[in-house]
């Protein structure tokens, strides 16, 4: 985590990447659960960003919603970014702790500096 997110940014696109598979998620993909060292069920994601002014520390909210729109997990924390070889950026790891331990259909929503991205995934 970083401590002081930038007050402004120019981000064109945002996407969600699984920490477990390193794949950027598209509708219908699987976002796998991970069991932490203390036995907690977690979802690990990173944000993939593009734009002319992506700061080294971003403000963001990442949420996971169930089929009826109920919040299953959410985190609003600043995240550091690193530049990728293709000129895009990726954040540090974000571990979400869902309020359930069963799989199913879900929507992952990312919001950062006025950009919103949603992807419908299967949690397993």
Protein backbone atom coordinates (compact mmCIF):
# COMPACT_ATOMS: atom_id res chain seq x y z
CA UNK A 1 0.00 0.00 0.00
CA UNK A 2 1.00 3.60 -0.42
CA UNK A 3 0.05 6.37 2.00
CA UNK A 4 -0.83 9.44 -0.05
CA UNK A 5 -2.81 8.94 -3.25
CA UNK A 6 -2.61 11.67 -5.87
CA UNK A 7 -5.43 14.21 -5.72
CA UNK A 8 -5.85 14.09 -9.50
CA UNK A 9 -5.08 11.66 -12.30
CA UNK A 10 -5.83 11.12 -15.96
CA UNK A 11 -6.85 7.47 -16.34
CA UNK A 12 -8.48 6.29 -19.57
CA UNK A 13 -9.15 2.62 -18.78
CA UNK A 14 -9.21 0.27 -15.81
CA UNK A 15 -9.38 -3.52 -15.74
CA UNK A 16 -9.14 -6.24 -13.09
CA UNK A 17 -6.41 -8.89 -13.03
CA UNK A 18 -6.38 -12.04 -10.90
CA UNK A 19 -3.32 -12.36 -8.68
CA UNK A 20 -3.67 -16.16 -8.74
CA UNK A 21 -3.77 -16.55 -12.54
CA UNK A 22 -2.12 -13.24 -13.62
CA UNK A 23 -4.89 -12.94 -16.23
CA UNK A 24 -6.86 -9.78 -16.91
CA UNK A 25 -10.49 -10.75 -16.36
CA UNK A 26 -13.20 -10.63 -19.02
CA UNK A 27 -16.90 -11.33 -18.60
CA UNK A 28 -17.42 -15.03 -17.80
CA UNK A 29 -13.88 -15.65 -16.53
CA UNK A 30 -13.17 -17.30 -13.18
CA UNK A 31 -11.75 -15.34 -10.25
CA UNK A 32 -10.35 -18.02 -7.93
CA UNK A 33 -10.46 -17.95 -4.16
CA UNK A 34 -7.22 -18.20 -2.20
CA UNK A 35 -6.89 -19.44 1.36
CA UNK A 36 -4.58 -17.24 3.41
CA UNK A 37 -2.03 -18.37 5.95
CA UNK A 38 -4.53 -18.02 8.79
CA UNK A 39 -7.28 -19.84 6.91
CA UNK A 40 -9.23 -16.83 5.62
CA UNK A 41 -10.88 -17.01 2.20
CA UNK A 42 -9.63 -14.17 0.00
CA UNK A 43 -9.89 -12.83 -3.54
CA UNK A 44 -6.65 -11.38 -4.86
CA UNK A 45 -6.75 -8.73 -7.58
CA UNK A 46 -4.65 -6.05 -9.17
CA UNK A 47 -5.91 -3.16 -11.28
CA UNK A 48 -4.54 -2.66 -14.79
CA UNK A 49 -4.70 1.00 -15.82
CA UNK A 50 -3.91 3.12 -18.84
CA UNK A 51 -3.86 6.85 -19.38
CA UNK A 52 -1.61 9.85 -19.87
CA UNK A 53 -1.17 10.60 -16.15
CA UNK A 54 -1.43 7.51 -13.93
CA UNK A 55 0.08 8.46 -10.56
CA UNK A 56 2.45 6.29 -8.53
CA UNK A 57 -0.21 6.04 -5.79
CA UNK A 58 -3.90 5.91 -6.71
CA UNK A 59 -7.15 6.31 -4.84
CA UNK A 60 -9.56 3.48 -5.71
CA UNK A 61 -12.51 1.42 -4.57
CA UNK A 62 -12.84 -2.21 -5.62
CA UNK A 63 -16.06 -4.06 -4.77
CA UNK A 64 -17.54 -7.50 -5.39
CA UNK A 65 -21.32 -7.74 -5.71
CA UNK A 66 -23.60 -10.77 -5.72
CA UNK A 67 -26.31 -11.41 -8.31
CA UNK A 68 -28.89 -9.33 -6.44
CA UNK A 69 -26.48 -6.39 -6.03
CA UNK A 70 -25.54 -7.24 -2.45
CA UNK A 71 -21.99 -6.27 -1.44
CA UNK A 72 -19.85 -9.37 -0.85
CA UNK A 73 -16.52 -7.54 -0.43
CA UNK A 74 -15.19 -4.01 -0.79
CA UNK A 75 -11.98 -2.09 -0.17
CA UNK A 76 -11.21 1.60 -0.47
CA UNK A 77 -7.46 1.87 -0.01
CA UNK A 78 -4.66 3.67 -1.86
CA UNK A 79 -2.61 1.38 -4.10
CA UNK A 80 0.88 1.88 -5.58
CA UNK A 81 1.31 1.53 -9.34
CA UNK A 82 4.17 0.23 -11.48
CA UNK A 83 4.63 0.70 -15.21
CA UNK A 84 4.22 -2.33 -17.48
CA UNK A 85 6.31 -3.08 -20.57
CA UNK A 86 3.36 -2.12 -22.83
CA UNK A 87 3.15 1.38 -21.29
CA UNK A 88 0.18 0.57 -19.05
CA UNK A 89 0.27 0.39 -15.28
CA UNK A 90 -0.55 -2.25 -12.67
CA UNK A 91 -1.31 -1.74 -9.01
CA UNK A 92 0.07 -3.59 -6.05
CA UNK A 93 -1.90 -6.53 -4.72
CA UNK A 94 -5.33 -6.01 -3.22
CA UNK A 95 -6.78 -8.79 -1.06
CA UNK A 96 -10.55 -8.74 -0.60
CA UNK A 97 -12.21 -10.71 2.18
CA UNK A 98 -15.67 -11.79 1.00
CA UNK A 99 -18.57 -12.21 3.40
CA UNK A 100 -19.17 -15.75 2.11
CA UNK A 101 -17.10 -18.79 1.17
CA UNK A 102 -19.13 -20.28 -1.67
CA UNK A 103 -18.62 -19.72 -5.37
CA UNK A 104 -21.07 -18.20 -7.77
CA UNK A 105 -21.67 -15.41 -10.21
CA UNK A 106 -20.45 -11.98 -9.16
CA UNK A 107 -19.65 -8.52 -10.49
CA UNK A 108 -16.31 -6.90 -9.70
CA UNK A 109 -16.42 -3.08 -9.90
CA UNK A 110 -13.40 -0.78 -9.87
CA UNK A 111 -13.74 2.98 -9.42
CA UNK A 112 -10.79 5.37 -9.63
CA UNK A 113 -10.63 9.05 -10.60
CA UNK A 114 -13.97 9.03 -12.41
CA UNK A 115 -13.31 5.79 -14.31
CA UNK A 116 -15.55 2.80 -13.55
CA UNK A 117 -15.02 -0.72 -14.86
CA UNK A 118 -17.23 -3.74 -14.19
CA UNK A 119 -16.61 -7.36 -15.07
CA UNK A 120 -18.93 -10.31 -14.44
CA UNK A 121 -17.02 -13.32 -13.16
CA UNK A 122 -17.50 -16.71 -11.58
CA UNK A 123 -15.98 -17.05 -8.12
CA UNK A 124 -14.46 -20.48 -7.41
